Amino acid sequence: MTDSPGGRSPQQRKQVLLRLDPSVYEALARWASDELRSANAQIEFLLRRALSEAGRLPGTARPIPRRGRPPASGEPEE
């Protein structure tokens, strides 16, 4: 049984092979580190921002899942 177009369940993430110039990857990895993200998360963040700015981000795109430790009870989520 499938829950979304293309036969994937909504929980699965698409894997993509990406070839980058080593210097571009290093710059991306430094930027990601500065923002406390993985290089993969930084790429997704930048792609989503570019799609949104171009008016091409699908309305069905779910938000990027929050990573890290959940807030302590009583602490408001940011």
PDB file of N, CA and C in Angstrom:
ATOM      1  N   MET A   1       0.846  -1.180   0.000  1.00  0.00           N
ATOM      2  CA  MET A   1       0.000   0.000   0.000  1.00  0.00           C
ATOM      3  C   MET A   1       0.887   1.238   0.000  1.00  0.00           C
ATOM      4  N   THR A   2       0.555   2.222  -0.834  1.00  0.00           N
ATOM      5  CA  THR A   2       1.336   3.450  -0.909  1.00  0.00           C
ATOM      6  C   THR A   2       0.486   4.625  -0.485  1.00  0.00           C
ATOM      7  N   ASP A   3       1.134   5.620   0.084  1.00  0.00           N
ATOM      8  CA  ASP A   3       0.418   6.787   0.592  1.00  0.00           C
ATOM      9  C   ASP A   3       0.673   8.051  -0.206  1.00  0.00           C
ATOM     10  N   SER A   4       1.563   7.988  -1.194  1.00  0.00           N
ATOM     11  CA  SER A   4       1.863   9.197  -1.938  1.00  0.00           C
ATOM     12  C   SER A   4       2.159   8.850  -3.389  1.00  0.00           C
ATOM     13  N   PRO A   5       2.123   9.857  -4.264  1.00  0.00           N
ATOM     14  CA  PRO A   5       2.424   9.602  -5.673  1.00  0.00           C
ATOM     15  C   PRO A   5       3.825   9.031  -5.825  1.00  0.00           C
ATOM     16  N   GLY A   6       4.010   8.195  -6.806  1.00  0.00           N
ATOM     17  CA  GLY A   6       5.323   7.634  -7.050  1.00  0.00           C
ATOM     18  C   GLY A   6       5.576   6.361  -6.273  1.00  0.00           C
ATOM     19  N   GLY A   7       4.618   5.930  -5.442  1.00  0.00           N
ATOM     20  CA  GLY A   7       4.768   4.677  -4.736  1.00  0.00           C
ATOM     21  C   GLY A   7       5.602   4.735  -3.468  1.00  0.00           C
ATOM     22  N   ARG A   8       5.997   5.913  -3.019  1.00  0.00           N
ATOM     23  CA  ARG A   8       6.795   6.033  -1.794  1.00  0.00           C
ATOM     24  C   ARG A   8       5.886   6.387  -0.639  1.00  0.00           C
ATOM     25  N   SER A   9       6.199   5.885   0.537  1.00  0.00           N
ATOM     26  CA  SER A   9       5.447   6.323   1.704  1.00  0.00           C
ATOM     27  C   SER A   9       5.923   7.722   2.067  1.00  0.00           C
ATOM     28  N   PRO A  10       5.106   8.507   2.769  1.00  0.00           N
ATOM     29  CA  PRO A  10       5.496   9.885   3.063  1.00  0.00           C
ATOM     30  C   PRO A  10       6.732   9.994   3.961  1.00  0.00           C
ATOM     31  N   GLN A  11       7.087   8.918   4.648  1.00  0.00           N
ATOM     32  CA  GLN A  11       8.222   8.975   5.577  1.00  0.00           C
ATOM     33  C   GLN A  11       9.567   8.798   4.876  1.00  0.00           C
ATOM     34  N   GLN A  12       9.583   8.208   3.674  1.00  0.00           N
ATOM     35  CA  GLN A  12      10.840   7.950   2.991  1.00  0.00           C
ATOM     36  C   GLN A  12      11.405   9.223   2.390  1.00  0.00           C
ATOM     37  N   ARG A  13      12.725   9.281   2.366  1.00  0.00           N
ATOM     38  CA  ARG A  13      13.418  10.418   1.768  1.00  0.00           C
ATOM     39  C   ARG A  13      14.116   9.921   0.509  1.00  0.00           C
ATOM     40  N   LYS A  14      14.112  10.691  -0.533  1.00  0.00           N
ATOM     41  CA  LYS A  14      14.735  10.333  -1.793  1.00  0.00           C
ATOM     42  C   LYS A  14      16.240  10.502  -1.685  1.00  0.00           C
ATOM     43  N   GLN A  15      16.977   9.480  -2.109  1.00  0.00           N
ATOM     44  CA  GLN A  15      18.435   9.547  -2.118  1.00  0.00           C
ATOM     45  C   GLN A  15      18.898   9.954  -3.508  1.00  0.00           C
ATOM     46  N   VAL A  16      19.853  10.895  -3.569  1.00  0.00           N
ATOM     47  CA  VAL A  16      20.348  11.407  -4.835  1.00  0.00           C
ATOM     48  C   VAL A  16      21.866  11.437  -4.790  1.00  0.00           C
ATOM     49  N   LEU A  17      22.477  10.936  -5.849  1.00  0.00           N
ATOM     50  CA  LEU A  17      23.923  11.026  -5.978  1.00  0.00           C
ATOM     51  C   LEU A  17      24.251  12.408  -6.528  1.00  0.00           C
ATOM     52  N   LEU A  18      25.146  13.110  -5.887  1.00  0.00           N
ATOM     53  CA  LEU A  18      25.487  14.467  -6.304  1.00  0.00           C
ATOM     54  C   LEU A  18      27.005  14.568  -6.436  1.00  0.00           C
ATOM     55  N   ARG A  19      27.445  14.978  -7.589  1.00  0.00           N
ATOM     56  CA  ARG A  19      28.880  15.160  -7.806  1.00  0.00           C
ATOM     57  C   ARG A  19      29.185  16.654  -7.737  1.00  0.00           C
ATOM     58  N   LEU A  20      30.129  17.008  -6.885  1.00  0.00           N
ATOM     59  CA  LEU A  20      30.507  18.413  -6.711  1.00  0.00           C
ATOM     60  C   LEU A  20      32.007  18.569  -6.859  1.00  0.00           C
ATOM     61  N   ASP A  21      32.406  19.726  -7.317  1.00  0.00           N
ATOM     62  CA  ASP A  21      33.820  20.079  -7.313  1.00  0.00           C
ATOM     63  C   ASP A  21      34.281  20.047  -5.854  1.00  0.00           C
ATOM     64  N   PRO A  22      35.435  19.486  -5.568  1.00  0.00           N
ATOM     65  CA  PRO A  22      35.889  19.389  -4.171  1.00  0.00           C
ATOM     66  C   PRO A  22      35.931  20.729  -3.438  1.00  0.00           C
ATOM     67  N   SER A  23      36.313  21.790  -4.123  1.00  0.00           N
ATOM     68  CA  SER A  23      36.378  23.094  -3.447  1.00  0.00           C
ATOM     69  C   SER A  23      34.970  23.615  -3.136  1.00  0.00           C
ATOM     70  N   VAL A  24      34.002  23.319  -4.006  1.00  0.00           N
ATOM     71  CA  VAL A  24      32.621  23.717  -3.746  1.00  0.00           C
ATOM     72  C   VAL A  24      32.096  22.945  -2.537  1.00  0.00           C
ATOM     73  N   TYR A  25      32.391  21.644  -2.483  1.00  0.00           N
ATOM     74  CA  TYR A  25      31.951  20.840  -1.344  1.00  0.00           C
ATOM     75  C   TYR A  25      32.564  21.359  -0.046  1.00  0.00           C
ATOM     76  N   GLU A  26      33.841  21.676  -0.063  1.00  0.00           N
ATOM     77  CA  GLU A  26      34.495  22.176   1.152  1.00  0.00           C
ATOM     78  C   GLU A  26      33.865  23.485   1.626  1.00  0.00           C
ATOM     79  N   ALA A  27      33.571  24.382   0.694  1.00  0.00           N
ATOM     80  CA  ALA A  27      32.913  25.651   1.063  1.00  0.00           C
ATOM     81  C   ALA A  27      31.524  25.384   1.636  1.00  0.00           C
ATOM     82  N   LEU A  28      30.789  24.461   1.018  1.00  0.00           N
ATOM     83  CA  LEU A  28      29.458  24.094   1.491  1.00  0.00           C
ATOM     84  C   LEU A  28      29.527  23.467   2.882  1.00  0.00           C
ATOM     85  N   ALA A  29      30.489  22.578   3.091  1.00  0.00           N
ATOM     86  CA  ALA A  29      30.644  21.915   4.386  1.00  0.00           C
ATOM     87  C   ALA A  29      30.997  22.923   5.481  1.00  0.00           C
ATOM     88  N   ARG A  30      31.836  23.903   5.169  1.00  0.00           N
ATOM     89  CA  ARG A  30      32.174  24.951   6.160  1.00  0.00           C
ATOM     90  C   ARG A  30      30.933  25.773   6.498  1.00  0.00           C
ATOM     91  N   TRP A  31      30.172  26.156   5.477  1.00  0.00           N
ATOM     92  CA  TRP A  31      28.945  26.930   5.676  1.00  0.00           C
ATOM     93  C   TRP A  31      27.968  26.133   6.526  1.00  0.00           C
ATOM     94  N   ALA A  32      27.797  24.862   6.203  1.00  0.00           N
ATOM     95  CA  ALA A  32      26.893  24.005   6.971  1.00  0.00           C
ATOM     96  C   ALA A  32      27.341  23.930   8.432  1.00  0.00           C
ATOM     97  N   SER A  33      28.612  23.762   8.640  1.00  0.00           N
ATOM     98  CA  SER A  33      29.146  23.689  10.003  1.00  0.00           C
ATOM     99  C   SER A  33      28.884  24.985  10.772  1.00  0.00           C
ATOM    100  N   ASP A  34      29.052  26.108  10.103  1.00  0.00           N
ATOM    101  CA  ASP A  34      28.784  27.409  10.740  1.00  0.00           C
ATOM    102  C   ASP A  34      27.332  27.515  11.189  1.00  0.00           C
ATOM    103  N   GLU A  35      26.423  26.855  10.469  1.00  0.00           N
ATOM    104  CA  GLU A  35      25.000  26.926  10.788  1.00  0.00           C
ATOM    105  C   GLU A  35      24.506  25.680  11.525  1.00  0.00           C
ATOM    106  N   LEU A  36      25.459  24.872  12.005  1.00  0.00           N
ATOM    107  CA  LEU A  36      25.157  23.659  12.777  1.00  0.00           C
ATOM    108  C   LEU A  36      24.268  22.695  12.007  1.00  0.00           C
ATOM    109  N   ARG A  37      24.574  22.519  10.718  1.00  0.00           N
ATOM    110  CA  ARG A  37      23.865  21.570   9.869  1.00  0.00           C
ATOM    111  C   ARG A  37      24.882  20.618   9.253  1.00  0.00           C
ATOM    112  N   SER A  38      24.386  19.467   8.790  1.00  0.00           N
ATOM    113  CA  SER A  38      25.218  18.587   7.985  1.00  0.00           C
ATOM    114  C   SER A  38      25.269  19.172   6.571  1.00  0.00           C
ATOM    115  N   ALA A  39      26.223  18.709   5.780  1.00  0.00           N
ATOM    116  CA  ALA A  39      26.298  19.167   4.391  1.00  0.00           C
ATOM    117  C   ALA A  39      25.006  18.791   3.658  1.00  0.00           C
ATOM    118  N   ASN A  40      24.482  17.601   3.929  1.00  0.00           N
ATOM    119  CA  ASN A  40      23.239  17.159   3.292  1.00  0.00           C
ATOM    120  C   ASN A  40      22.073  18.081   3.657  1.00  0.00           C
ATOM    121  N   ALA A  41      21.952  18.420   4.930  1.00  0.00           N
ATOM    122  CA  ALA A  41      20.875  19.305   5.375  1.00  0.00           C
ATOM    123  C   ALA A  41      21.040  20.703   4.771  1.00  0.00           C
ATOM    124  N   GLN A  42      22.279  21.150   4.623  1.00  0.00           N
ATOM    125  CA  GLN A  42      22.529  22.470   4.031  1.00  0.00           C
ATOM    126  C   GLN A  42      22.101  22.478   2.564  1.00  0.00           C
ATOM    127  N   ILE A  43      22.409  21.406   1.839  1.00  0.00           N
ATOM    128  CA  ILE A  43      22.010  21.322   0.439  1.00  0.00           C
ATOM    129  C   ILE A  43      20.484  21.362   0.341  1.00  0.00           C
ATOM    130  N   GLU A  44      19.795  20.588   1.178  1.00  0.00           N
ATOM    131  CA  GLU A  44      18.330  20.588   1.130  1.00  0.00           C
ATOM    132  C   GLU A  44      17.778  21.972   1.492  1.00  0.00           C
ATOM    133  N   PHE A  45      18.354  22.605   2.504  1.00  0.00           N
ATOM    134  CA  PHE A  45      17.920  23.943   2.906  1.00  0.00           C
ATOM    135  C   PHE A  45      18.050  24.929   1.743  1.00  0.00           C
ATOM    136  N   LEU A  46      19.202  24.897   1.073  1.00  0.00           N
ATOM    137  CA  LEU A  46      19.437  25.822  -0.036  1.00  0.00           C
ATOM    138  C   LEU A  46      18.530  25.532  -1.231  1.00  0.00           C
ATOM    139  N   LEU A  47      18.321  24.251  -1.520  1.00  0.00           N
ATOM    140  CA  LEU A  47      17.431  23.901  -2.623  1.00  0.00           C
ATOM    141  C   LEU A  47      15.995  24.336  -2.336  1.00  0.00           C
ATOM    142  N   ARG A  48      15.534  24.111  -1.116  1.00  0.00           N
ATOM    143  CA  ARG A  48      14.181  24.529  -0.752  1.00  0.00           C
ATOM    144  C   ARG A  48      14.038  26.048  -0.835  1.00  0.00           C
ATOM    145  N   ARG A  49      15.044  26.772  -0.370  1.00  0.00           N
ATOM    146  CA  ARG A  49      14.984  28.240  -0.428  1.00  0.00           C
ATOM    147  C   ARG A  49      14.937  28.718  -1.880  1.00  0.00           C
ATOM    148  N   ALA A  50      15.761  28.111  -2.739  1.00  0.00           N
ATOM    149  CA  ALA A  50      15.772  28.494  -4.149  1.00  0.00           C
ATOM    150  C   ALA A  50      14.427  28.172  -4.811  1.00  0.00           C
ATOM    151  N   LEU A  51      13.870  27.001  -4.516  1.00  0.00           N
ATOM    152  CA  LEU A  51      12.563  26.636  -5.067  1.00  0.00           C
ATOM    153  C   LEU A  51      11.475  27.601  -4.599  1.00  0.00           C
ATOM    154  N   SER A  52      11.516  27.957  -3.324  1.00  0.00           N
ATOM    155  CA  SER A  52      10.528  28.874  -2.773  1.00  0.00           C
ATOM    156  C   SER A  52      10.638  30.253  -3.426  1.00  0.00           C
ATOM    157  N   GLU A  53      11.858  30.758  -3.560  1.00  0.00           N
ATOM    158  CA  GLU A  53      12.061  32.074  -4.168  1.00  0.00           C
ATOM    159  C   GLU A  53      11.628  32.097  -5.626  1.00  0.00           C
ATOM    160  N   ALA A  54      11.731  30.944  -6.304  1.00  0.00           N
ATOM    161  CA  ALA A  54      11.330  30.856  -7.710  1.00  0.00           C
ATOM    162  C   ALA A  54       9.847  30.529  -7.864  1.00  0.00           C
ATOM    163  N   GLY A  55       9.151  30.371  -6.725  1.00  0.00           N
ATOM    164  CA  GLY A  55       7.748  30.030  -6.780  1.00  0.00           C
ATOM    165  C   GLY A  55       7.501  28.608  -7.245  1.00  0.00           C
ATOM    166  N   ARG A  56       8.467  27.711  -7.021  1.00  0.00           N
ATOM    167  CA  ARG A  56       8.370  26.339  -7.508  1.00  0.00           C
ATOM    168  C   ARG A  56       8.364  25.301  -6.398  1.00  0.00           C
ATOM    169  N   LEU A  57       8.323  25.712  -5.157  1.00  0.00           N
ATOM    170  CA  LEU A  57       8.278  24.756  -4.060  1.00  0.00           C
ATOM    171  C   LEU A  57       6.867  24.180  -3.992  1.00  0.00           C
ATOM    172  N   PRO A  58       6.727  22.858  -4.148  1.00  0.00           N
ATOM    173  CA  PRO A  58       5.375  22.275  -4.126  1.00  0.00           C
ATOM    174  C   PRO A  58       4.695  22.495  -2.779  1.00  0.00           C
ATOM    175  N   GLY A  59       3.409  22.714  -2.831  1.00  0.00           N
ATOM    176  CA  GLY A  59       2.637  22.885  -1.604  1.00  0.00           C
ATOM    177  C   GLY A  59       2.611  21.616  -0.767  1.00  0.00           C
ATOM    178  N   THR A  60       2.902  20.491  -1.394  1.00  0.00           N
ATOM    179  CA  THR A  60       2.903  19.213  -0.679  1.00  0.00           C
ATOM    180  C   THR A  60       4.237  18.931   0.015  1.00  0.00           C
ATOM    181  N   ALA A  61       5.239  19.796  -0.187  1.00  0.00           N
ATOM    182  CA  ALA A  61       6.548  19.581   0.441  1.00  0.00           C
ATOM    183  C   ALA A  61       6.415  19.776   1.944  1.00  0.00           C
ATOM    184  N   ARG A  62       6.831  18.773   2.676  1.00  0.00           N
ATOM    185  CA  ARG A  62       6.780  18.863   4.134  1.00  0.00           C
ATOM    186  C   ARG A  62       7.959  19.681   4.645  1.00  0.00           C
ATOM    187  N   PRO A  63       7.831  20.288   5.815  1.00  0.00           N
ATOM    188  CA  PRO A  63       8.958  21.044   6.377  1.00  0.00           C
ATOM    189  C   PRO A  63      10.136  20.109   6.650  1.00  0.00           C
ATOM    190  N   ILE A  64      11.313  20.674   6.668  1.00  0.00           N
ATOM    191  CA  ILE A  64      12.504  19.895   7.006  1.00  0.00           C
ATOM    192  C   ILE A  64      12.351  19.441   8.455  1.00  0.00           C
ATOM    193  N   PRO A  65      12.524  18.146   8.728  1.00  0.00           N
ATOM    194  CA  PRO A  65      12.370  17.675  10.113  1.00  0.00           C
ATOM    195  C   PRO A  65      13.391  18.323  11.038  1.00  0.00           C
ATOM    196  N   ARG A  66      12.946  18.683  12.216  1.00  0.00           N
ATOM    197  CA  ARG A  66      13.870  19.241  13.217  1.00  0.00           C
ATOM    198  C   ARG A  66      14.776  18.139  13.723  1.00  0.00           C
ATOM    199  N   ARG A  67      16.010  18.444  13.906  1.00  0.00           N
ATOM    200  CA  ARG A  67      16.980  17.475  14.397  1.00  0.00           C
ATOM    201  C   ARG A  67      17.397  17.862  15.807  1.00  0.00           C
ATOM    202  N   GLY A  68      18.018  16.926  16.485  1.00  0.00           N
ATOM    203  CA  GLY A  68      18.563  17.221  17.798  1.00  0.00           C
ATOM    204  C   GLY A  68      17.639  16.804  18.919  1.00  0.00           C
ATOM    205  N   ARG A  69      18.017  17.174  20.094  1.00  0.00           N
ATOM    206  CA  ARG A  69      17.297  16.794  21.298  1.00  0.00           C
ATOM    207  C   ARG A  69      15.986  17.558  21.393  1.00  0.00           C
ATOM    208  N   PRO A  70      14.903  16.885  21.747  1.00  0.00           N
ATOM    209  CA  PRO A  70      13.632  17.599  21.916  1.00  0.00           C
ATOM    210  C   PRO A  70      13.710  18.536  23.124  1.00  0.00           C
ATOM    211  N   PRO A  71      12.890  19.575  23.134  1.00  0.00           N
ATOM    212  CA  PRO A  71      12.921  20.508  24.259  1.00  0.00           C
ATOM    213  C   PRO A  71      12.493  19.802  25.555  1.00  0.00           C
ATOM    214  N   ALA A  72      13.074  20.249  26.668  1.00  0.00           N
ATOM    215  CA  ALA A  72      12.698  19.715  27.981  1.00  0.00           C
ATOM    216  C   ALA A  72      11.261  20.092  28.255  1.00  0.00           C
ATOM    217  N   SER A  73      10.570  19.282  29.052  1.00  0.00           N
ATOM    218  CA  SER A  73       9.169  19.579  29.348  1.00  0.00           C
ATOM    219  C   SER A  73       9.074  20.967  29.993  1.00  0.00           C
ATOM    220  N   GLY A  74       8.090  21.715  29.565  1.00  0.00           N
ATOM    221  CA  GLY A  74       7.920  23.072  30.086  1.00  0.00           C
ATOM    222  C   GLY A  74       8.638  24.113  29.272  1.00  0.00           C
ATOM    223  N   GLU A  75       9.629  23.700  28.447  1.00  0.00           N
ATOM    224  CA  GLU A  75      10.356  24.628  27.592  1.00  0.00           C
ATOM    225  C   GLU A  75       9.565  24.842  26.316  1.00  0.00           C
ATOM    226  N   PRO A  76       9.348  26.096  25.895  1.00  0.00           N
ATOM    227  CA  PRO A  76       8.629  26.311  24.638  1.00  0.00           C
ATOM    228  C   PRO A  76       9.512  25.912  23.455  1.00  0.00           C
ATOM    229  N   GLU A  77       8.863  25.384  22.392  1.00  0.00           N
ATOM    230  CA  GLU A  77       9.605  25.055  21.177  1.00  0.00           C
ATOM    231  C   GLU A  77       9.854  26.332  20.415  1.00  0.00           C
ATOM    232  N   GLU A  78      10.984  26.401  19.716  1.00  0.00           N
ATOM    233  CA  GLU A  78      11.330  27.590  18.945  1.00  0.00           C
ATOM    234  C   GLU A  78      10.764  27.516  17.570  1.00  0.00           C
TER     235      GLU A  78
END
